[in-house]
Amino acid sequence: MRKLFKVSTKAAIFSHDKTKVLVVHMSQVNDYGLPGGHIDEDEAIEQAMRRELAEECGIADINLRQAGFFMHSNGKLILAFVGQLAHAGKLQSQQGEQEGIPTWLTRDEFEVIDIEPNYKALVLENWN
């Protein structure tokens, strides 16, 4: 049985030219999130973040840096990362649409979506 902790990883991932940010769109409920998820038992934090990026978005190679932590409105502790892709590439979820559809948004598009406030803050604080 998989143990789930009240700690998750999330990442603000920017396009190679930093004109777009990656979100996960859950079309069934018309909701947006950032890529990331639960840390498995005995899994290192960065290992969990990389696993989630591969599963949800098909991203296998990216430089990441830890960007602190914050509380989600649901009470989970979120360990935040920031990354930028080195080149343009196709996003492909390895989970079908189970976790949502990886989607690039421009800054104007991102600023108007309804998303967890601390996710929005993470992205905007790191988008220069």
C-alpha atoms as a PDB file:
ATOM      1  CA  MET A   1       0.000   0.000   0.000  1.00  0.00           C
ATOM      2  CA  ARG A   2       1.319   3.440  -0.924  1.00  0.00           C
ATOM      3  CA  LYS A   3       1.799   5.776   2.048  1.00  0.00           C
ATOM      4  CA  LEU A   4       0.806   9.365   1.314  1.00  0.00           C
ATOM      5  CA  PHE A   5       2.284  12.112   3.442  1.00  0.00           C
ATOM      6  CA  LYS A   6       0.878  15.611   3.915  1.00  0.00           C
ATOM      7  CA  VAL A   7       3.912  16.869   1.988  1.00  0.00           C
ATOM      8  CA  SER A   8       4.008  17.369  -1.783  1.00  0.00           C
ATOM      9  CA  THR A   9       6.279  18.818  -4.418  1.00  0.00           C
ATOM     10  CA  LYS A  10       5.253  21.448  -6.974  1.00  0.00           C
ATOM     11  CA  ALA A  11       7.259  23.274  -9.619  1.00  0.00           C
ATOM     12  CA  ALA A  12       7.103  26.490 -11.575  1.00  0.00           C
ATOM     13  CA  ILE A  13       8.485  25.326 -14.935  1.00  0.00           C
ATOM     14  CA  PHE A  14       9.227  27.958 -17.557  1.00  0.00           C
ATOM     15  CA  SER A  15       9.672  27.537 -21.304  1.00  0.00           C
ATOM     16  CA  HIS A  16      13.146  27.748 -22.822  1.00  0.00           C
ATOM     17  CA  ASP A  17      12.592  31.429 -23.675  1.00  0.00           C
ATOM     18  CA  LYS A  18      10.727  32.125 -20.411  1.00  0.00           C
ATOM     19  CA  THR A  19       7.657  33.414 -22.249  1.00  0.00           C
ATOM     20  CA  LYS A  20       5.389  30.659 -20.907  1.00  0.00           C
ATOM     21  CA  VAL A  21       4.790  28.699 -17.725  1.00  0.00           C
ATOM     22  CA  LEU A  22       3.687  25.095 -17.474  1.00  0.00           C
ATOM     23  CA  VAL A  23       0.423  24.271 -15.727  1.00  0.00           C
ATOM     24  CA  VAL A  24      -1.623  21.117 -15.478  1.00  0.00           C
ATOM     25  CA  HIS A  25      -5.207  21.657 -16.626  1.00  0.00           C
ATOM     26  CA  MET A  26      -7.767  19.293 -15.140  1.00  0.00           C
ATOM     27  CA  SER A  27     -10.444  19.669 -17.793  1.00  0.00           C
ATOM     28  CA  GLN A  28     -13.038  17.529 -15.976  1.00  0.00           C
ATOM     29  CA  VAL A  29     -13.305  20.160 -13.229  1.00  0.00           C
ATOM     30  CA  ASN A  30     -11.871  23.121 -15.185  1.00  0.00           C
ATOM     31  CA  ASP A  31      -9.135  23.620 -12.605  1.00  0.00           C
ATOM     32  CA  TYR A  32      -5.433  24.398 -12.887  1.00  0.00           C
ATOM     33  CA  GLY A  33      -2.439  23.294 -10.867  1.00  0.00           C
ATOM     34  CA  LEU A  34       1.311  23.113 -11.100  1.00  0.00           C
ATOM     35  CA  PRO A  35       3.106  19.889 -11.937  1.00  0.00           C
ATOM     36  CA  GLY A  36       4.125  17.870  -8.917  1.00  0.00           C
ATOM     37  CA  GLY A  37       2.688  15.565  -6.335  1.00  0.00           C
ATOM     38  CA  HIS A  38       3.193  13.291  -3.387  1.00  0.00           C
ATOM     39  CA  ILE A  39       6.550  12.074  -2.187  1.00  0.00           C
ATOM     40  CA  ASP A  40       6.676   8.292  -1.964  1.00  0.00           C
ATOM     41  CA  GLU A  41       8.048   6.574   1.118  1.00  0.00           C
ATOM     42  CA  ASP A  42      11.879   6.492   1.047  1.00  0.00           C
ATOM     43  CA  GLU A  43      11.971   8.850  -1.953  1.00  0.00           C
ATOM     44  CA  ALA A  44      14.231  11.908  -1.982  1.00  0.00           C
ATOM     45  CA  ILE A  45      12.458  15.238  -2.490  1.00  0.00           C
ATOM     46  CA  GLU A  46      14.103  16.113  -5.810  1.00  0.00           C
ATOM     47  CA  GLN A  47      13.654  12.518  -6.999  1.00  0.00           C
ATOM     48  CA  ALA A  48       9.912  12.848  -6.320  1.00  0.00           C
ATOM     49  CA  MET A  49       9.748  16.140  -8.231  1.00  0.00           C
ATOM     50  CA  ARG A  50      11.557  14.636 -11.229  1.00  0.00           C
ATOM     51  CA  ARG A  51       9.301  11.554 -11.179  1.00  0.00           C
ATOM     52  CA  GLU A  52       6.190  13.745 -11.151  1.00  0.00           C
ATOM     53  CA  LEU A  53       7.493  15.911 -14.029  1.00  0.00           C
ATOM     54  CA  ALA A  54       8.158  12.776 -16.079  1.00  0.00           C
ATOM     55  CA  GLU A  55       4.760  11.228 -15.279  1.00  0.00           C
ATOM     56  CA  GLU A  56       2.616  14.337 -15.706  1.00  0.00           C
ATOM     57  CA  CYS A  57       4.464  16.189 -18.472  1.00  0.00           C
ATOM     58  CA  GLY A  58       7.020  13.895 -20.094  1.00  0.00           C
ATOM     59  CA  ILE A  59       9.900  16.077 -18.891  1.00  0.00           C
ATOM     60  CA  ALA A  60      12.973  13.925 -18.311  1.00  0.00           C
ATOM     61  CA  ASP A  61      15.854  16.389 -18.247  1.00  0.00           C
ATOM     62  CA  ILE A  62      15.636  19.775 -16.558  1.00  0.00           C
ATOM     63  CA  ASN A  63      17.700  21.823 -14.153  1.00  0.00           C
ATOM     64  CA  LEU A  64      15.748  22.420 -10.960  1.00  0.00           C
ATOM     65  CA  ARG A  65      16.381  24.516  -7.913  1.00  0.00           C
ATOM     66  CA  GLN A  66      14.573  24.391  -4.632  1.00  0.00           C
ATOM     67  CA  ALA A  67      12.537  27.541  -4.032  1.00  0.00           C
ATOM     68  CA  GLY A  68      11.389  27.098  -0.457  1.00  0.00           C
ATOM     69  CA  PHE A  69       8.093  25.837   0.868  1.00  0.00           C
ATOM     70  CA  PHE A  70       4.589  27.021   1.678  1.00  0.00           C
ATOM     71  CA  MET A  71       1.276  25.745   2.972  1.00  0.00           C
ATOM     72  CA  HIS A  72      -1.448  24.824   0.502  1.00  0.00           C
ATOM     73  CA  SER A  73      -4.955  25.928   1.443  1.00  0.00           C
ATOM     74  CA  ASN A  74      -5.801  22.239   2.048  1.00  0.00           C
ATOM     75  CA  GLY A  75      -3.163  22.022   4.788  1.00  0.00           C
ATOM     76  CA  LYS A  76      -0.431  20.204   2.851  1.00  0.00           C
ATOM     77  CA  LEU A  77       3.151  21.396   3.022  1.00  0.00           C
ATOM     78  CA  ILE A  78       4.388  22.141  -0.502  1.00  0.00           C
ATOM     79  CA  LEU A  79       8.109  21.886  -1.275  1.00  0.00           C
ATOM     80  CA  ALA A  80       8.596  24.232  -4.209  1.00  0.00           C
ATOM     81  CA  PHE A  81      10.966  24.020  -7.156  1.00  0.00           C
ATOM     82  CA  VAL A  82      11.693  26.280 -10.122  1.00  0.00           C
ATOM     83  CA  GLY A  83      13.043  25.140 -13.472  1.00  0.00           C
ATOM     84  CA  GLN A  84      13.460  26.231 -17.057  1.00  0.00           C
ATOM     85  CA  LEU A  85      13.580  23.943 -20.071  1.00  0.00           C
ATOM     86  CA  ALA A  86      16.721  24.176 -22.184  1.00  0.00           C
ATOM     87  CA  HIS A  87      14.772  23.831 -25.445  1.00  0.00           C
ATOM     88  CA  ALA A  88      11.240  23.674 -26.778  1.00  0.00           C
ATOM     89  CA  GLY A  89       9.722  20.243 -26.738  1.00  0.00           C
ATOM     90  CA  LYS A  90       6.438  18.416 -26.839  1.00  0.00           C
ATOM     91  CA  LEU A  91       4.733  17.785 -23.517  1.00  0.00           C
ATOM     92  CA  GLN A  92       3.213  14.349 -23.072  1.00  0.00           C
ATOM     93  CA  SER A  93       1.604  12.999 -19.938  1.00  0.00           C
ATOM     94  CA  GLN A  94       2.480   9.377 -19.265  1.00  0.00           C
ATOM     95  CA  GLN A  95      -0.782   9.045 -17.322  1.00  0.00           C
ATOM     96  CA  GLY A  96      -3.229   9.949 -20.068  1.00  0.00           C
ATOM     97  CA  GLU A  97      -5.444  12.665 -18.624  1.00  0.00           C
ATOM     98  CA  GLN A  98      -5.573  11.127 -15.140  1.00  0.00           C
ATOM     99  CA  GLU A  99      -3.674  14.018 -13.520  1.00  0.00           C
ATOM    100  CA  GLY A 100      -4.576  16.621 -16.143  1.00  0.00           C
ATOM    101  CA  ILE A 101      -3.215  17.951 -19.400  1.00  0.00           C
ATOM    102  CA  PRO A 102       0.174  19.718 -19.391  1.00  0.00           C
ATOM    103  CA  THR A 103      -0.433  23.158 -20.880  1.00  0.00           C
ATOM    104  CA  TRP A 104       1.748  26.191 -21.594  1.00  0.00           C
ATOM    105  CA  LEU A 105       0.315  29.595 -20.669  1.00  0.00           C
ATOM    106  CA  THR A 106       1.627  33.077 -21.392  1.00  0.00           C
ATOM    107  CA  ARG A 107       1.951  35.477 -18.487  1.00  0.00           C
ATOM    108  CA  ASP A 108      -1.287  37.247 -19.460  1.00  0.00           C
ATOM    109  CA  GLU A 109      -3.128  33.916 -19.594  1.00  0.00           C
ATOM    110  CA  PHE A 110      -1.617  32.742 -16.307  1.00  0.00           C
ATOM    111  CA  GLU A 111      -2.475  35.912 -14.420  1.00  0.00           C
ATOM    112  CA  VAL A 112      -6.227  35.442 -15.021  1.00  0.00           C
ATOM    113  CA  ILE A 113      -6.659  31.726 -14.267  1.00  0.00           C
ATOM    114  CA  ASP A 114      -8.097  30.492 -11.004  1.00  0.00           C
ATOM    115  CA  ILE A 115      -5.248  28.649  -9.277  1.00  0.00           C
ATOM    116  CA  GLU A 116      -4.081  28.087  -5.704  1.00  0.00           C
ATOM    117  CA  PRO A 117      -2.852  31.540  -4.535  1.00  0.00           C
ATOM    118  CA  ASN A 118       0.538  30.252  -3.372  1.00  0.00           C
ATOM    119  CA  TYR A 119       1.069  28.536  -6.744  1.00  0.00           C
ATOM    120  CA  LYS A 120       0.397  31.865  -8.434  1.00  0.00           C
ATOM    121  CA  ALA A 121       2.818  33.620  -6.077  1.00  0.00           C
ATOM    122  CA  LEU A 122       5.561  31.031  -6.727  1.00  0.00           C
ATOM    123  CA  VAL A 123       5.266  31.483 -10.486  1.00  0.00           C
ATOM    124  CA  LEU A 124       5.060  35.277 -10.501  1.00  0.00           C
ATOM    125  CA  GLU A 125       7.922  35.719  -7.998  1.00  0.00           C
ATOM    126  CA  ASN A 126      10.186  33.677 -10.292  1.00  0.00           C
ATOM    127  CA  TRP A 127       9.028  35.032 -13.659  1.00  0.00           C
ATOM    128  CA  ASN A 128      11.341  37.912 -14.519  1.00  0.00           C
END
